[in-house]
Amino acid sequence: MYYQFDYYGRYLTLTQEDCRAITEWINEYFVGGSAPFPLSGAIPAADYKFVIDYNTEVEFVDNRDLKAPGEMAKYNQETNAARNKEKGKKRVQERFSAACGAVKVGDTLTTKQLVEMGYTDDKARKRLIDSGVLKRIKRGYYLVLSV
């Protein structure tokens, strides 16, 4: 019964007037126990047309047997790995934004300034580079890409 977008975020194959009439009929039927169906006649099937753009609206998904041994774990590893990687990048960017204060995109920072912000070890600075927050210009100097 649903295809075209209506007020409640659903897709209707009926006009909104017909949908309202059927909804009222359902309410009357449940309250009273019987009610005459409000619609009659031929269904105007030719009035309803839609187009599916297979290049943009359709996605082909791998068909997996998730009940097979190891398949569910493999599926979770693949799907969660990408999602967790993006979450990690976002978390690193948020922490840097909180720690950097008045630093803007395009500013140059030194290792000494990063140490003062709390990024004391090489791994922390490498994490900022890997997350796309900083770019190493030369030894000891970094360019801020995002805040």
N, C-alpha and C. Protein backbone atom coordinates (compact mmCIF):
# COMPACT_ATOMS: atom_id res chain seq x y z
N MET A 1 0.82 -1.19 0.00
CA MET A 1 0.00 0.00 0.00
C MET A 1 0.86 1.25 0.00
N TYR A 2 2.17 1.11 0.20
CA TYR A 2 3.00 2.30 0.33
C TYR A 2 4.02 2.41 -0.81
N TYR A 3 4.12 3.59 -1.43
CA TYR A 3 5.22 3.91 -2.32
C TYR A 3 5.49 5.41 -2.37
N GLN A 4 4.51 6.26 -2.61
CA GLN A 4 4.75 7.70 -2.69
C GLN A 4 4.87 8.28 -1.28
N PHE A 5 5.71 9.28 -1.10
CA PHE A 5 5.98 9.86 0.21
C PHE A 5 4.76 10.61 0.72
N ASP A 6 4.33 10.33 1.95
CA ASP A 6 3.21 11.07 2.54
C ASP A 6 3.69 11.85 3.76
N TYR A 7 2.77 12.41 4.50
CA TYR A 7 3.06 13.29 5.63
C TYR A 7 3.85 12.59 6.73
N TYR A 8 3.62 11.31 6.95
CA TYR A 8 4.24 10.59 8.05
C TYR A 8 5.56 9.92 7.65
N GLY A 9 6.07 10.19 6.45
CA GLY A 9 7.33 9.60 6.03
C GLY A 9 7.19 8.24 5.40
N ARG A 10 5.98 7.86 5.02
CA ARG A 10 5.75 6.58 4.37
C ARG A 10 5.56 6.80 2.88
N TYR A 11 5.58 5.73 2.13
CA TYR A 11 5.36 5.79 0.71
C TYR A 11 4.01 5.15 0.39
N LEU A 12 3.14 5.89 -0.28
CA LEU A 12 1.80 5.39 -0.57
C LEU A 12 1.63 5.11 -2.05
N THR A 13 0.91 4.03 -2.36
CA THR A 13 0.53 3.79 -3.75
C THR A 13 -0.86 4.34 -4.00
N LEU A 14 -1.53 4.80 -2.97
CA LEU A 14 -2.86 5.39 -3.09
C LEU A 14 -2.77 6.90 -2.98
N THR A 15 -3.80 7.56 -3.45
CA THR A 15 -3.86 9.00 -3.23
C THR A 15 -4.12 9.24 -1.74
N GLN A 16 -3.82 10.43 -1.27
CA GLN A 16 -3.99 10.71 0.14
C GLN A 16 -5.47 10.70 0.53
N GLU A 17 -6.36 11.09 -0.39
CA GLU A 17 -7.79 11.04 -0.09
C GLU A 17 -8.25 9.60 0.13
N ASP A 18 -7.81 8.70 -0.76
CA ASP A 18 -8.16 7.29 -0.61
C ASP A 18 -7.57 6.71 0.67
N CYS A 19 -6.36 7.10 0.99
CA CYS A 19 -5.72 6.62 2.22
C CYS A 19 -6.50 7.07 3.44
N ARG A 20 -6.92 8.35 3.46
CA ARG A 20 -7.70 8.86 4.59
C ARG A 20 -9.03 8.10 4.71
N ALA A 21 -9.67 7.85 3.55
CA ALA A 21 -10.94 7.14 3.56
C ALA A 21 -10.77 5.73 4.12
N ILE A 22 -9.72 5.05 3.72
CA ILE A 22 -9.47 3.70 4.21
C ILE A 22 -9.12 3.71 5.69
N THR A 23 -8.32 4.70 6.11
CA THR A 23 -7.96 4.81 7.52
C THR A 23 -9.19 5.05 8.38
N GLU A 24 -10.09 5.92 7.94
CA GLU A 24 -11.33 6.16 8.68
C GLU A 24 -12.18 4.89 8.71
N TRP A 25 -12.23 4.17 7.59
CA TRP A 25 -12.99 2.93 7.54
C TRP A 25 -12.43 1.91 8.54
N ILE A 26 -11.10 1.80 8.62
CA ILE A 26 -10.48 0.87 9.57
C ILE A 26 -10.88 1.23 10.99
N ASN A 27 -10.84 2.54 11.32
CA ASN A 27 -11.22 2.98 12.66
C ASN A 27 -12.68 2.65 12.96
N GLU A 28 -13.57 2.92 12.00
CA GLU A 28 -14.99 2.60 12.19
C GLU A 28 -15.20 1.10 12.31
N TYR A 29 -14.47 0.32 11.52
CA TYR A 29 -14.62 -1.13 11.55
C TYR A 29 -14.22 -1.69 12.90
N PHE A 30 -13.11 -1.20 13.45
CA PHE A 30 -12.66 -1.71 14.75
C PHE A 30 -13.56 -1.27 15.89
N VAL A 31 -14.11 -0.06 15.80
CA VAL A 31 -14.97 0.44 16.88
C VAL A 31 -16.35 -0.19 16.79
N GLY A 32 -16.95 -0.17 15.61
CA GLY A 32 -18.32 -0.64 15.46
C GLY A 32 -18.46 -2.10 15.12
N GLY A 33 -17.43 -2.72 14.61
CA GLY A 33 -17.50 -4.13 14.25
C GLY A 33 -17.85 -4.36 12.80
N SER A 34 -18.48 -3.39 12.14
CA SER A 34 -18.76 -3.51 10.71
C SER A 34 -18.94 -2.11 10.13
N ALA A 35 -18.53 -1.95 8.90
CA ALA A 35 -18.69 -0.68 8.20
C ALA A 35 -18.52 -0.97 6.71
N PRO A 36 -19.29 -0.29 5.85
CA PRO A 36 -19.14 -0.53 4.41
C PRO A 36 -17.80 0.04 3.91
N PHE A 37 -17.15 -0.70 3.06
CA PHE A 37 -15.87 -0.26 2.52
C PHE A 37 -16.10 0.97 1.65
N PRO A 38 -15.31 2.04 1.83
CA PRO A 38 -15.62 3.31 1.18
C PRO A 38 -15.26 3.39 -0.30
N LEU A 39 -14.42 2.51 -0.81
CA LEU A 39 -13.99 2.62 -2.20
C LEU A 39 -14.65 1.53 -3.04
N SER A 40 -14.94 1.87 -4.28
CA SER A 40 -15.50 0.89 -5.21
C SER A 40 -15.12 1.28 -6.62
N GLY A 41 -15.30 0.36 -7.55
CA GLY A 41 -15.00 0.66 -8.94
C GLY A 41 -13.66 0.09 -9.36
N ALA A 42 -13.28 0.45 -10.59
CA ALA A 42 -12.03 -0.05 -11.15
C ALA A 42 -10.83 0.66 -10.52
N ILE A 43 -9.77 -0.05 -10.43
CA ILE A 43 -8.53 0.53 -9.89
C ILE A 43 -7.78 1.19 -11.04
N PRO A 44 -7.49 2.47 -10.94
CA PRO A 44 -6.81 3.17 -12.03
C PRO A 44 -5.31 2.88 -12.04
N ALA A 45 -4.95 1.69 -12.49
CA ALA A 45 -3.56 1.27 -12.45
C ALA A 45 -2.68 2.08 -13.39
N ALA A 46 -3.26 2.61 -14.45
CA ALA A 46 -2.46 3.35 -15.42
C ALA A 46 -2.01 4.71 -14.87
N ASP A 47 -2.66 5.20 -13.83
CA ASP A 47 -2.30 6.50 -13.27
C ASP A 47 -1.03 6.45 -12.43
N TYR A 48 -0.62 5.29 -12.00
CA TYR A 48 0.53 5.18 -11.11
C TYR A 48 1.74 4.70 -11.90
N LYS A 49 2.76 5.55 -11.97
CA LYS A 49 3.98 5.19 -12.67
C LYS A 49 5.16 5.58 -11.80
N PHE A 50 6.20 4.81 -11.86
CA PHE A 50 7.43 5.18 -11.18
C PHE A 50 8.60 4.61 -11.96
N VAL A 51 9.74 5.22 -11.75
CA VAL A 51 10.95 4.84 -12.45
C VAL A 51 12.03 4.51 -11.42
N ILE A 52 12.72 3.41 -11.63
CA ILE A 52 13.83 3.03 -10.77
C ILE A 52 15.12 3.26 -11.55
N ASP A 53 15.98 4.09 -11.01
CA ASP A 53 17.28 4.34 -11.61
C ASP A 53 18.27 3.34 -11.00
N TYR A 54 18.60 2.31 -11.76
CA TYR A 54 19.43 1.23 -11.23
C TYR A 54 20.86 1.69 -10.95
N ASN A 55 21.29 2.79 -11.56
CA ASN A 55 22.65 3.27 -11.32
C ASN A 55 22.78 3.96 -9.97
N THR A 56 21.72 4.60 -9.48
CA THR A 56 21.82 5.37 -8.24
C THR A 56 20.95 4.82 -7.11
N GLU A 57 19.84 4.17 -7.41
CA GLU A 57 18.89 3.78 -6.38
C GLU A 57 19.00 2.31 -5.95
N VAL A 58 19.74 1.52 -6.67
CA VAL A 58 19.81 0.09 -6.37
C VAL A 58 21.24 -0.25 -5.95
N GLU A 59 21.34 -1.01 -4.88
CA GLU A 59 22.64 -1.45 -4.39
C GLU A 59 22.65 -2.97 -4.33
N PHE A 60 23.66 -3.57 -4.93
CA PHE A 60 23.80 -5.01 -4.89
C PHE A 60 24.64 -5.38 -3.67
N VAL A 61 24.10 -6.22 -2.84
CA VAL A 61 24.74 -6.62 -1.60
C VAL A 61 25.13 -8.09 -1.70
N ASP A 62 26.31 -8.41 -1.13
CA ASP A 62 26.75 -9.80 -1.14
C ASP A 62 25.73 -10.69 -0.44
N ASN A 63 25.45 -11.83 -1.05
CA ASN A 63 24.56 -12.81 -0.44
C ASN A 63 25.43 -13.78 0.34
N ARG A 64 25.25 -13.79 1.65
CA ARG A 64 26.06 -14.65 2.51
C ARG A 64 25.17 -15.58 3.30
N ASP A 65 25.72 -16.74 3.57
CA ASP A 65 25.06 -17.67 4.47
C ASP A 65 25.61 -17.42 5.86
N LEU A 66 24.97 -16.56 6.62
CA LEU A 66 25.47 -16.16 7.93
C LEU A 66 25.38 -17.27 8.97
N LYS A 67 24.68 -18.34 8.64
CA LYS A 67 24.60 -19.47 9.56
C LYS A 67 25.78 -20.41 9.41
N ALA A 68 26.54 -20.25 8.33
CA ALA A 68 27.71 -21.10 8.13
C ALA A 68 28.78 -20.73 9.16
N PRO A 69 29.56 -21.71 9.60
CA PRO A 69 30.58 -21.42 10.64
C PRO A 69 31.57 -20.35 10.18
N GLY A 70 31.74 -19.34 11.00
CA GLY A 70 32.70 -18.29 10.72
C GLY A 70 32.21 -17.16 9.85
N GLU A 71 31.09 -17.34 9.14
CA GLU A 71 30.60 -16.31 8.23
C GLU A 71 30.10 -15.07 8.97
N MET A 72 29.40 -15.27 10.09
CA MET A 72 28.88 -14.14 10.85
C MET A 72 30.04 -13.32 11.43
N ALA A 73 31.06 -13.99 11.94
CA ALA A 73 32.22 -13.29 12.49
C ALA A 73 32.95 -12.52 11.39
N LYS A 74 33.08 -13.14 10.23
CA LYS A 74 33.75 -12.49 9.10
C LYS A 74 32.96 -11.26 8.65
N TYR A 75 31.65 -11.39 8.58
CA TYR A 75 30.78 -10.28 8.19
C TYR A 75 30.91 -9.12 9.19
N ASN A 76 30.87 -9.44 10.48
CA ASN A 76 30.98 -8.39 11.50
C ASN A 76 32.33 -7.71 11.45
N GLN A 77 33.39 -8.46 11.22
CA GLN A 77 34.72 -7.86 11.13
C GLN A 77 34.81 -6.88 9.98
N GLU A 78 34.26 -7.28 8.83
CA GLU A 78 34.34 -6.41 7.65
C GLU A 78 33.50 -5.15 7.81
N THR A 79 32.28 -5.30 8.28
CA THR A 79 31.40 -4.13 8.38
C THR A 79 31.77 -3.23 9.54
N ASN A 80 32.14 -3.83 10.67
CA ASN A 80 32.47 -3.02 11.84
C ASN A 80 33.83 -2.36 11.72
N ALA A 81 34.75 -2.95 10.98
CA ALA A 81 36.10 -2.39 10.87
C ALA A 81 36.06 -1.01 10.23
N ALA A 82 35.32 -0.87 9.13
CA ALA A 82 35.25 0.43 8.45
C ALA A 82 34.54 1.45 9.33
N ARG A 83 33.46 1.04 9.96
CA ARG A 83 32.69 1.95 10.82
C ARG A 83 33.54 2.40 12.02
N ASN A 84 34.25 1.46 12.62
CA ASN A 84 35.07 1.80 13.78
C ASN A 84 36.25 2.69 13.40
N LYS A 85 36.78 2.50 12.20
CA LYS A 85 37.88 3.34 11.74
C LYS A 85 37.42 4.78 11.60
N GLU A 86 36.24 4.99 11.03
CA GLU A 86 35.69 6.34 10.89
C GLU A 86 35.38 6.96 12.26
N LYS A 87 34.85 6.15 13.17
CA LYS A 87 34.58 6.64 14.52
C LYS A 87 35.87 7.08 15.20
N GLY A 88 36.93 6.30 15.02
CA GLY A 88 38.22 6.63 15.61
C GLY A 88 38.77 7.94 15.07
N LYS A 89 38.68 8.13 13.75
CA LYS A 89 39.14 9.39 13.15
C LYS A 89 38.37 10.58 13.70
N LYS A 90 37.06 10.41 13.81
CA LYS A 90 36.22 11.50 14.33
C LYS A 90 36.58 11.80 15.78
N ARG A 91 36.83 10.76 16.57
CA ARG A 91 37.18 10.95 17.98
C ARG A 91 38.51 11.69 18.12
N VAL A 92 39.50 11.34 17.27
CA VAL A 92 40.80 12.01 17.31
C VAL A 92 40.63 13.48 16.94
N GLN A 93 39.81 13.77 15.92
CA GLN A 93 39.58 15.15 15.52
C GLN A 93 38.89 15.94 16.63
N GLU A 94 37.92 15.33 17.31
CA GLU A 94 37.23 16.02 18.40
C GLU A 94 38.19 16.32 19.56
N ARG A 95 39.04 15.37 19.90
CA ARG A 95 40.00 15.58 20.98
C ARG A 95 40.99 16.68 20.62
N PHE A 96 41.43 16.70 19.36
CA PHE A 96 42.37 17.74 18.94
C PHE A 96 41.68 19.11 18.98
N SER A 97 40.43 19.17 18.54
CA SER A 97 39.70 20.44 18.58
C SER A 97 39.58 20.96 20.00
N ALA A 98 39.35 20.05 20.95
CA ALA A 98 39.23 20.46 22.35
C ALA A 98 40.58 20.90 22.91
N ALA A 99 41.67 20.27 22.47
CA ALA A 99 43.00 20.56 23.03
C ALA A 99 43.67 21.76 22.37
N CYS A 100 43.32 22.05 21.11
CA CYS A 100 44.10 23.04 20.37
C CYS A 100 43.74 24.48 20.69
N GLY A 101 42.54 24.73 21.11
CA GLY A 101 42.15 26.10 21.47
C GLY A 101 41.94 26.99 20.26
N ALA A 102 42.85 27.95 20.04
CA ALA A 102 42.67 28.97 19.00
C ALA A 102 43.35 28.61 17.68
N VAL A 103 43.76 27.38 17.49
CA VAL A 103 44.43 26.98 16.26
C VAL A 103 43.40 26.90 15.14
N LYS A 104 43.77 27.37 13.95
CA LYS A 104 42.86 27.38 12.79
C LYS A 104 43.42 26.47 11.70
N VAL A 105 42.56 26.13 10.76
CA VAL A 105 42.98 25.33 9.62
C VAL A 105 43.97 26.17 8.81
N GLY A 106 45.09 25.55 8.44
CA GLY A 106 46.12 26.25 7.68
C GLY A 106 47.26 26.76 8.54
N ASP A 107 47.10 26.74 9.86
CA ASP A 107 48.19 27.15 10.75
C ASP A 107 49.29 26.10 10.76
N THR A 108 50.49 26.55 11.10
CA THR A 108 51.63 25.65 11.23
C THR A 108 51.95 25.49 12.71
N LEU A 109 52.09 24.25 13.14
CA LEU A 109 52.43 23.96 14.53
C LEU A 109 53.79 23.28 14.58
N THR A 110 54.49 23.49 15.67
CA THR A 110 55.76 22.80 15.89
C THR A 110 55.54 21.65 16.86
N THR A 111 56.53 20.79 16.94
CA THR A 111 56.45 19.68 17.88
C THR A 111 56.35 20.20 19.30
N LYS A 112 57.05 21.27 19.59
CA LYS A 112 57.01 21.85 20.93
C LYS A 112 55.59 22.30 21.29
N GLN A 113 54.90 22.93 20.34
CA GLN A 113 53.52 23.36 20.59
C GLN A 113 52.59 22.16 20.81
N LEU A 114 52.79 21.09 20.04
CA LEU A 114 51.98 19.88 20.21
C LEU A 114 52.23 19.24 21.57
N VAL A 115 53.48 19.25 22.02
CA VAL A 115 53.81 18.70 23.34
C VAL A 115 53.11 19.52 24.42
N GLU A 116 53.07 20.85 24.26
CA GLU A 116 52.38 21.70 25.22
C GLU A 116 50.87 21.43 25.25
N MET A 117 50.31 20.98 24.11
CA MET A 117 48.89 20.65 24.05
C MET A 117 48.60 19.28 24.66
N GLY A 118 49.64 18.50 24.91
CA GLY A 118 49.44 17.19 25.52
C GLY A 118 49.81 16.03 24.62
N TYR A 119 50.24 16.29 23.40
CA TYR A 119 50.65 15.24 22.49
C TYR A 119 52.15 15.03 22.66
N THR A 120 52.52 14.29 23.72
CA THR A 120 53.92 14.19 24.14
C THR A 120 54.71 13.11 23.42
N ASP A 121 54.08 12.06 22.94
CA ASP A 121 54.84 10.99 22.29
C ASP A 121 54.61 10.98 20.79
N ASP A 122 55.49 10.28 20.10
CA ASP A 122 55.43 10.21 18.64
C ASP A 122 54.16 9.52 18.14
N LYS A 123 53.69 8.52 18.89
CA LYS A 123 52.49 7.79 18.47
C LYS A 123 51.26 8.71 18.43
N ALA A 124 51.15 9.61 19.40
CA ALA A 124 50.03 10.53 19.44
C ALA A 124 50.06 11.47 18.24
N ARG A 125 51.24 11.96 17.90
CA ARG A 125 51.36 12.85 16.74
C ARG A 125 51.12 12.08 15.44
N LYS A 126 51.57 10.83 15.38
CA LYS A 126 51.33 10.01 14.19
C LYS A 126 49.83 9.73 14.02
N ARG A 127 49.13 9.55 15.14
CA ARG A 127 47.70 9.32 15.10
C ARG A 127 46.98 10.54 14.50
N LEU A 128 47.45 11.74 14.84
CA LEU A 128 46.87 12.96 14.27
C LEU A 128 47.11 13.03 12.76
N ILE A 129 48.28 12.60 12.33
CA ILE A 129 48.60 12.61 10.90
C ILE A 129 47.75 11.57 10.17
N ASP A 130 47.66 10.36 10.74
CA ASP A 130 46.88 9.29 10.11
C ASP A 130 45.40 9.61 10.04
N SER A 131 44.90 10.40 10.99
CA SER A 131 43.48 10.76 11.01
C SER A 131 43.17 11.94 10.11
N GLY A 132 44.18 12.55 9.52
CA GLY A 132 43.94 13.67 8.62
C GLY A 132 43.78 15.00 9.32
N VAL A 133 44.16 15.06 10.58
CA VAL A 133 44.08 16.33 11.32
C VAL A 133 45.29 17.19 11.00
N LEU A 134 46.48 16.56 10.95
CA LEU A 134 47.72 17.26 10.67
C LEU A 134 48.41 16.65 9.46
N LYS A 135 49.28 17.45 8.85
CA LYS A 135 50.13 16.96 7.77
C LYS A 135 51.55 17.39 8.11
N ARG A 136 52.48 16.45 8.04
CA ARG A 136 53.87 16.75 8.34
C ARG A 136 54.47 17.53 7.18
N ILE A 137 54.97 18.73 7.46
CA ILE A 137 55.60 19.55 6.43
C ILE A 137 57.07 19.19 6.34
N LYS A 138 57.74 19.27 7.45
CA LYS A 138 59.13 18.85 7.57
C LYS A 138 59.35 18.46 9.02
N ARG A 139 60.51 18.03 9.35
CA ARG A 139 60.78 17.55 10.70
C ARG A 139 60.48 18.64 11.73
N GLY A 140 59.53 18.32 12.61
CA GLY A 140 59.18 19.24 13.71
C GLY A 140 58.10 20.24 13.36
N TYR A 141 57.60 20.26 12.11
CA TYR A 141 56.59 21.23 11.71
C TYR A 141 55.40 20.49 11.08
N TYR A 142 54.21 20.92 11.47
CA TYR A 142 52.98 20.28 11.02
C TYR A 142 51.99 21.33 10.53
N LEU A 143 51.23 21.00 9.51
CA LEU A 143 50.18 21.86 8.97
C LEU A 143 48.84 21.35 9.47
N VAL A 144 48.01 22.23 9.98
CA VAL A 144 46.68 21.84 10.48
C VAL A 144 45.72 21.74 9.30
N LEU A 145 45.15 20.54 9.09
CA LEU A 145 44.20 20.31 8.00
C LEU A 145 42.75 20.44 8.43
N SER A 146 42.46 20.06 9.67
CA SER A 146 41.08 20.17 10.17
C SER A 146 41.11 20.41 11.66
N VAL A 147 40.10 21.12 12.12
CA VAL A 147 39.99 21.41 13.56
C VAL A 147 38.63 20.95 14.04
